[in-house]
Amino acid sequence: MKAKDLRIKTIEELKKLENDLRKKIQEYLILKKIKKLDKPHFLRQAKKDLARVLTVINEKLKQK
């Protein structure tokens, strides 16, 4: 997920994506605790994607 792709979306779409990513991170953390997470880089990538989404949301809110 690239920031330039996120900047095209509306704030409502970004908020939905934020909630989806938070749920996904929660699932990965649960899987990590029970040692069922085969690919731990998924958790790291989801956290980075969430940070990108939050950054773009803040940029859009400051523009208004």
PDB file of N, CA and C in Angstrom:
ATOM      1  N   MET A   1       0.846  -1.164   0.000  1.00  0.00           N
ATOM      2  CA  MET A   1       0.000   0.000   0.000  1.00  0.00           C
ATOM      3  C   MET A   1       0.896   1.233   0.000  1.00  0.00           C
ATOM      4  N   LYS A   2       0.674   2.104  -0.960  1.00  0.00           N
ATOM      5  CA  LYS A   2       1.498   3.296  -1.076  1.00  0.00           C
ATOM      6  C   LYS A   2       0.721   4.523  -0.650  1.00  0.00           C
ATOM      7  N   ALA A   3       1.439   5.504  -0.136  1.00  0.00           N
ATOM      8  CA  ALA A   3       0.792   6.717   0.365  1.00  0.00           C
ATOM      9  C   ALA A   3       0.096   7.474  -0.754  1.00  0.00           C
ATOM     10  N   LYS A   4       0.661   7.467  -1.948  1.00  0.00           N
ATOM     11  CA  LYS A   4       0.025   8.212  -3.043  1.00  0.00           C
ATOM     12  C   LYS A   4      -1.320   7.578  -3.422  1.00  0.00           C
ATOM     13  N   ASP A   5      -1.444   6.268  -3.266  1.00  0.00           N
ATOM     14  CA  ASP A   5      -2.729   5.607  -3.513  1.00  0.00           C
ATOM     15  C   ASP A   5      -3.741   5.970  -2.431  1.00  0.00           C
ATOM     16  N   LEU A   6      -3.263   6.161  -1.218  1.00  0.00           N
ATOM     17  CA  LEU A   6      -4.142   6.510  -0.110  1.00  0.00           C
ATOM     18  C   LEU A   6      -4.640   7.947  -0.200  1.00  0.00           C
ATOM     19  N   ARG A   7      -3.824   8.821  -0.755  1.00  0.00           N
ATOM     20  CA  ARG A   7      -4.208  10.233  -0.833  1.00  0.00           C
ATOM     21  C   ARG A   7      -5.395  10.462  -1.766  1.00  0.00           C
ATOM     22  N   ILE A   8      -5.658   9.530  -2.647  1.00  0.00           N
ATOM     23  CA  ILE A   8      -6.788   9.631  -3.571  1.00  0.00           C
ATOM     24  C   ILE A   8      -8.105   9.373  -2.847  1.00  0.00           C
ATOM     25  N   LYS A   9      -8.075   8.576  -1.803  1.00  0.00           N
ATOM     26  CA  LYS A   9      -9.292   8.157  -1.113  1.00  0.00           C
ATOM     27  C   LYS A   9      -9.847   9.266  -0.217  1.00  0.00           C
ATOM     28  N   THR A  10     -11.134   9.150   0.090  1.00  0.00           N
ATOM     29  CA  THR A  10     -11.772  10.117   0.986  1.00  0.00           C
ATOM     30  C   THR A  10     -11.473   9.743   2.433  1.00  0.00           C
ATOM     31  N   ILE A  11     -11.784  10.666   3.333  1.00  0.00           N
ATOM     32  CA  ILE A  11     -11.529  10.426   4.756  1.00  0.00           C
ATOM     33  C   ILE A  11     -12.370   9.256   5.258  1.00  0.00           C
ATOM     34  N   GLU A  12     -13.608   9.128   4.769  1.00  0.00           N
ATOM     35  CA  GLU A  12     -14.465   8.027   5.203  1.00  0.00           C
ATOM     36  C   GLU A  12     -13.878   6.681   4.787  1.00  0.00           C
ATOM     37  N   GLU A  13     -13.356   6.618   3.569  1.00  0.00           N
ATOM     38  CA  GLU A  13     -12.731   5.372   3.106  1.00  0.00           C
ATOM     39  C   GLU A  13     -11.484   5.056   3.922  1.00  0.00           C
ATOM     40  N   LEU A  14     -10.732   6.088   4.253  1.00  0.00           N
ATOM     41  CA  LEU A  14      -9.527   5.888   5.054  1.00  0.00           C
ATOM     42  C   LEU A  14      -9.862   5.422   6.464  1.00  0.00           C
ATOM     43  N   LYS A  15     -10.931   5.967   7.035  1.00  0.00           N
ATOM     44  CA  LYS A  15     -11.353   5.542   8.373  1.00  0.00           C
ATOM     45  C   LYS A  15     -11.763   4.068   8.370  1.00  0.00           C
ATOM     46  N   LYS A  16     -12.461   3.651   7.320  1.00  0.00           N
ATOM     47  CA  LYS A  16     -12.857   2.245   7.200  1.00  0.00           C
ATOM     48  C   LYS A  16     -11.621   1.355   7.077  1.00  0.00           C
ATOM     49  N   LEU A  17     -10.672   1.801   6.264  1.00  0.00           N
ATOM     50  CA  LEU A  17      -9.423   1.056   6.094  1.00  0.00           C
ATOM     51  C   LEU A  17      -8.652   0.991   7.413  1.00  0.00           C
ATOM     52  N   GLU A  18      -8.679   2.072   8.174  1.00  0.00           N
ATOM     53  CA  GLU A  18      -8.024   2.092   9.486  1.00  0.00           C
ATOM     54  C   GLU A  18      -8.633   1.040  10.405  1.00  0.00           C
ATOM     55  N   ASN A  19      -9.954   0.983  10.453  1.00  0.00           N
ATOM     56  CA  ASN A  19     -10.617  -0.007  11.306  1.00  0.00           C
ATOM     57  C   ASN A  19     -10.293  -1.428  10.861  1.00  0.00           C
ATOM     58  N   ASP A  20     -10.281  -1.656   9.554  1.00  0.00           N
ATOM     59  CA  ASP A  20      -9.939  -2.989   9.039  1.00  0.00           C
ATOM     60  C   ASP A  20      -8.517  -3.384   9.422  1.00  0.00           C
ATOM     61  N   LEU A  21      -7.594  -2.447   9.307  1.00  0.00           N
ATOM     62  CA  LEU A  21      -6.206  -2.741   9.653  1.00  0.00           C
ATOM     63  C   LEU A  21      -6.045  -3.008  11.150  1.00  0.00           C
ATOM     64  N   ARG A  22      -6.776  -2.258  11.963  1.00  0.00           N
ATOM     65  CA  ARG A  22      -6.700  -2.494  13.410  1.00  0.00           C
ATOM     66  C   ARG A  22      -7.205  -3.898  13.763  1.00  0.00           C
ATOM     67  N   LYS A  23      -8.279  -4.325  13.097  1.00  0.00           N
ATOM     68  CA  LYS A  23      -8.791  -5.679  13.332  1.00  0.00           C
ATOM     69  C   LYS A  23      -7.787  -6.729  12.880  1.00  0.00           C
ATOM     70  N   LYS A  24      -7.166  -6.476  11.733  1.00  0.00           N
ATOM     71  CA  LYS A  24      -6.185  -7.418  11.207  1.00  0.00           C
ATOM     72  C   LYS A  24      -4.978  -7.524  12.141  1.00  0.00           C
ATOM     73  N   ILE A  25      -4.512  -6.394  12.663  1.00  0.00           N
ATOM     74  CA  ILE A  25      -3.384  -6.401  13.600  1.00  0.00           C
ATOM     75  C   ILE A  25      -3.751  -7.179  14.853  1.00  0.00           C
ATOM     76  N   GLN A  26      -4.968  -6.981  15.335  1.00  0.00           N
ATOM     77  CA  GLN A  26      -5.425  -7.701  16.527  1.00  0.00           C
ATOM     78  C   GLN A  26      -5.416  -9.212  16.280  1.00  0.00           C
ATOM     79  N   GLU A  27      -5.896  -9.624  15.102  1.00  0.00           N
ATOM     80  CA  GLU A  27      -5.899 -11.058  14.767  1.00  0.00           C
ATOM     81  C   GLU A  27      -4.480 -11.605  14.700  1.00  0.00           C
ATOM     82  N   TYR A  28      -3.571 -10.844  14.090  1.00  0.00           N
ATOM     83  CA  TYR A  28      -2.186 -11.296  13.994  1.00  0.00           C
ATOM     84  C   TYR A  28      -1.548 -11.415  15.372  1.00  0.00           C
ATOM     85  N   LEU A  29      -1.864 -10.486  16.267  1.00  0.00           N
ATOM     86  CA  LEU A  29      -1.300 -10.551  17.616  1.00  0.00           C
ATOM     87  C   LEU A  29      -1.805 -11.784  18.367  1.00  0.00           C
ATOM     88  N   ILE A  30      -3.075 -12.103  18.175  1.00  0.00           N
ATOM     89  CA  ILE A  30      -3.629 -13.308  18.810  1.00  0.00           C
ATOM     90  C   ILE A  30      -2.948 -14.550  18.260  1.00  0.00           C
ATOM     91  N   LEU A  31      -2.805 -14.601  16.938  1.00  0.00           N
ATOM     92  CA  LEU A  31      -2.132 -15.752  16.333  1.00  0.00           C
ATOM     93  C   LEU A  31      -0.681 -15.857  16.797  1.00  0.00           C
ATOM     94  N   LYS A  32      -0.035 -14.708  16.978  1.00  0.00           N
ATOM     95  CA  LYS A  32       1.355 -14.716  17.435  1.00  0.00           C
ATOM     96  C   LYS A  32       1.452 -15.288  18.850  1.00  0.00           C
ATOM     97  N   LYS A  33       0.484 -14.942  19.696  1.00  0.00           N
ATOM     98  CA  LYS A  33       0.507 -15.428  21.080  1.00  0.00           C
ATOM     99  C   LYS A  33       0.318 -16.938  21.165  1.00  0.00           C
ATOM    100  N   ILE A  34      -0.504 -17.492  20.266  1.00  0.00           N
ATOM    101  CA  ILE A  34      -0.722 -18.933  20.320  1.00  0.00           C
ATOM    102  C   ILE A  34       0.210 -19.683  19.365  1.00  0.00           C
ATOM    103  N   LYS A  35       1.185 -18.948  18.850  1.00  0.00           N
ATOM    104  CA  LYS A  35       2.250 -19.517  18.010  1.00  0.00           C
ATOM    105  C   LYS A  35       1.716 -20.154  16.719  1.00  0.00           C
ATOM    106  N   LYS A  36       0.712 -19.526  16.126  1.00  0.00           N
ATOM    107  CA  LYS A  36       0.154 -20.012  14.868  1.00  0.00           C
ATOM    108  C   LYS A  36       0.422 -19.061  13.706  1.00  0.00           C
ATOM    109  N   LEU A  37       1.162 -17.977  13.962  1.00  0.00           N
ATOM    110  CA  LEU A  37       1.469 -17.009  12.915  1.00  0.00           C
ATOM    111  C   LEU A  37       2.688 -17.492  12.146  1.00  0.00           C
ATOM    112  N   ASP A  38       2.440 -17.993  10.938  1.00  0.00           N
ATOM    113  CA  ASP A  38       3.522 -18.566  10.146  1.00  0.00           C
ATOM    114  C   ASP A  38       4.447 -17.493   9.567  1.00  0.00           C
ATOM    115  N   LYS A  39       3.866 -16.368   9.187  1.00  0.00           N
ATOM    116  CA  LYS A  39       4.655 -15.321   8.537  1.00  0.00           C
ATOM    117  C   LYS A  39       4.568 -14.034   9.355  1.00  0.00           C
ATOM    118  N   PRO A  40       5.516 -13.837  10.261  1.00  0.00           N
ATOM    119  CA  PRO A  40       5.448 -12.685  11.162  1.00  0.00           C
ATOM    120  C   PRO A  40       5.599 -11.337  10.452  1.00  0.00           C
ATOM    121  N   HIS A  41       6.081 -11.340   9.227  1.00  0.00           N
ATOM    122  CA  HIS A  41       6.216 -10.063   8.525  1.00  0.00           C
ATOM    123  C   HIS A  41       4.851  -9.467   8.177  1.00  0.00           C
ATOM    124  N   PHE A  42       3.793 -10.271   8.201  1.00  0.00           N
ATOM    125  CA  PHE A  42       2.446  -9.747   7.962  1.00  0.00           C
ATOM    126  C   PHE A  42       2.062  -8.744   9.053  1.00  0.00           C
ATOM    127  N   LEU A  43       2.421  -9.039  10.287  1.00  0.00           N
ATOM    128  CA  LEU A  43       2.118  -8.141  11.403  1.00  0.00           C
ATOM    129  C   LEU A  43       2.863  -6.820  11.222  1.00  0.00           C
ATOM    130  N   ARG A  44       4.120  -6.893  10.905  1.00  0.00           N
ATOM    131  CA  ARG A  44       4.933  -5.693  10.715  1.00  0.00           C
ATOM    132  C   ARG A  44       4.389  -4.847   9.564  1.00  0.00           C
ATOM    133  N   GLN A  45       4.005  -5.495   8.475  1.00  0.00           N
ATOM    134  CA  GLN A  45       3.482  -4.788   7.309  1.00  0.00           C
ATOM    135  C   GLN A  45       2.141  -4.122   7.628  1.00  0.00           C
ATOM    136  N   ALA A  46       1.303  -4.800   8.385  1.00  0.00           N
ATOM    137  CA  ALA A  46       0.004  -4.234   8.751  1.00  0.00           C
ATOM    138  C   ALA A  46       0.187  -2.993   9.632  1.00  0.00           C
ATOM    139  N   LYS A  47       1.154  -3.029  10.529  1.00  0.00           N
ATOM    140  CA  LYS A  47       1.421  -1.864  11.383  1.00  0.00           C
ATOM    141  C   LYS A  47       1.911  -0.682  10.554  1.00  0.00           C
ATOM    142  N   LYS A  48       2.756  -0.954   9.579  1.00  0.00           N
ATOM    143  CA  LYS A  48       3.257   0.118   8.714  1.00  0.00           C
ATOM    144  C   LYS A  48       2.137   0.694   7.860  1.00  0.00           C
ATOM    145  N   ASP A  49       1.264  -0.176   7.369  1.00  0.00           N
ATOM    146  CA  ASP A  49       0.127   0.295   6.576  1.00  0.00           C
ATOM    147  C   ASP A  49      -0.795   1.168   7.422  1.00  0.00           C
ATOM    148  N   LEU A  50      -1.021   0.775   8.659  1.00  0.00           N
ATOM    149  CA  LEU A  50      -1.856   1.569   9.560  1.00  0.00           C
ATOM    150  C   LEU A  50      -1.223   2.943   9.785  1.00  0.00           C
ATOM    151  N   ALA A  51       0.074   2.984   9.969  1.00  0.00           N
ATOM    152  CA  ALA A  51       0.764   4.260  10.169  1.00  0.00           C
ATOM    153  C   ALA A  51       0.608   5.146   8.934  1.00  0.00           C
ATOM    154  N   ARG A  52       0.697   4.570   7.743  1.00  0.00           N
ATOM    155  CA  ARG A  52       0.513   5.340   6.520  1.00  0.00           C
ATOM    156  C   ARG A  52      -0.899   5.912   6.438  1.00  0.00           C
ATOM    157  N   VAL A  53      -1.884   5.088   6.765  1.00  0.00           N
ATOM    158  CA  VAL A  53      -3.271   5.532   6.710  1.00  0.00           C
ATOM    159  C   VAL A  53      -3.495   6.676   7.697  1.00  0.00           C
ATOM    160  N   LEU A  54      -2.996   6.534   8.907  1.00  0.00           N
ATOM    161  CA  LEU A  54      -3.164   7.581   9.912  1.00  0.00           C
ATOM    162  C   LEU A  54      -2.464   8.876   9.494  1.00  0.00           C
ATOM    163  N   THR A  55      -1.315   8.762   8.864  1.00  0.00           N
ATOM    164  CA  THR A  55      -0.592   9.936   8.387  1.00  0.00           C
ATOM    165  C   THR A  55      -1.398  10.667   7.325  1.00  0.00           C
ATOM    166  N   VAL A  56      -1.968   9.940   6.391  1.00  0.00           N
ATOM    167  CA  VAL A  56      -2.749  10.562   5.326  1.00  0.00           C
ATOM    168  C   VAL A  56      -4.027  11.188   5.891  1.00  0.00           C
ATOM    169  N   ILE A  57      -4.647  10.528   6.857  1.00  0.00           N
ATOM    170  CA  ILE A  57      -5.842  11.105   7.496  1.00  0.00           C
ATOM    171  C   ILE A  57      -5.483  12.435   8.153  1.00  0.00           C
ATOM    172  N   ASN A  58      -4.373  12.466   8.885  1.00  0.00           N
ATOM    173  CA  ASN A  58      -3.961  13.709   9.542  1.00  0.00           C
ATOM    174  C   ASN A  58      -3.633  14.794   8.533  1.00  0.00           C
ATOM    175  N   GLU A  59      -3.003  14.437   7.413  1.00  0.00           N
ATOM    176  CA  GLU A  59      -2.711  15.411   6.372  1.00  0.00           C
ATOM    177  C   GLU A  59      -4.000  16.013   5.825  1.00  0.00           C
ATOM    178  N   LYS A  60      -4.980  15.163   5.570  1.00  0.00           N
ATOM    179  CA  LYS A  60      -6.245  15.637   5.017  1.00  0.00           C
ATOM    180  C   LYS A  60      -6.997  16.516   6.018  1.00  0.00           C
ATOM    181  N   LEU A  61      -6.936  16.176   7.293  1.00  0.00           N
ATOM    182  CA  LEU A  61      -7.619  16.982   8.302  1.00  0.00           C
ATOM    183  C   LEU A  61      -6.958  18.353   8.478  1.00  0.00           C
ATOM    184  N   LYS A  62      -5.660  18.425   8.336  1.00  0.00           N
ATOM    185  CA  LYS A  62      -4.962  19.703   8.465  1.00  0.00           C
ATOM    186  C   LYS A  62      -5.204  20.611   7.271  1.00  0.00           C
ATOM    187  N   GLN A  63      -5.508  20.031   6.108  1.00  0.00           N
ATOM    188  CA  GLN A  63      -5.771  20.832   4.919  1.00  0.00           C
ATOM    189  C   GLN A  63      -7.092  21.570   5.025  1.00  0.00           C
ATOM    190  N   LYS A  64      -8.035  21.022   5.794  1.00  0.00           N
ATOM    191  CA  LYS A  64      -9.371  21.634   5.889  1.00  0.00           C
ATOM    192  C   LYS A  64      -9.388  22.843   6.772  1.00  0.00           C
TER     193      LYS A  64
END
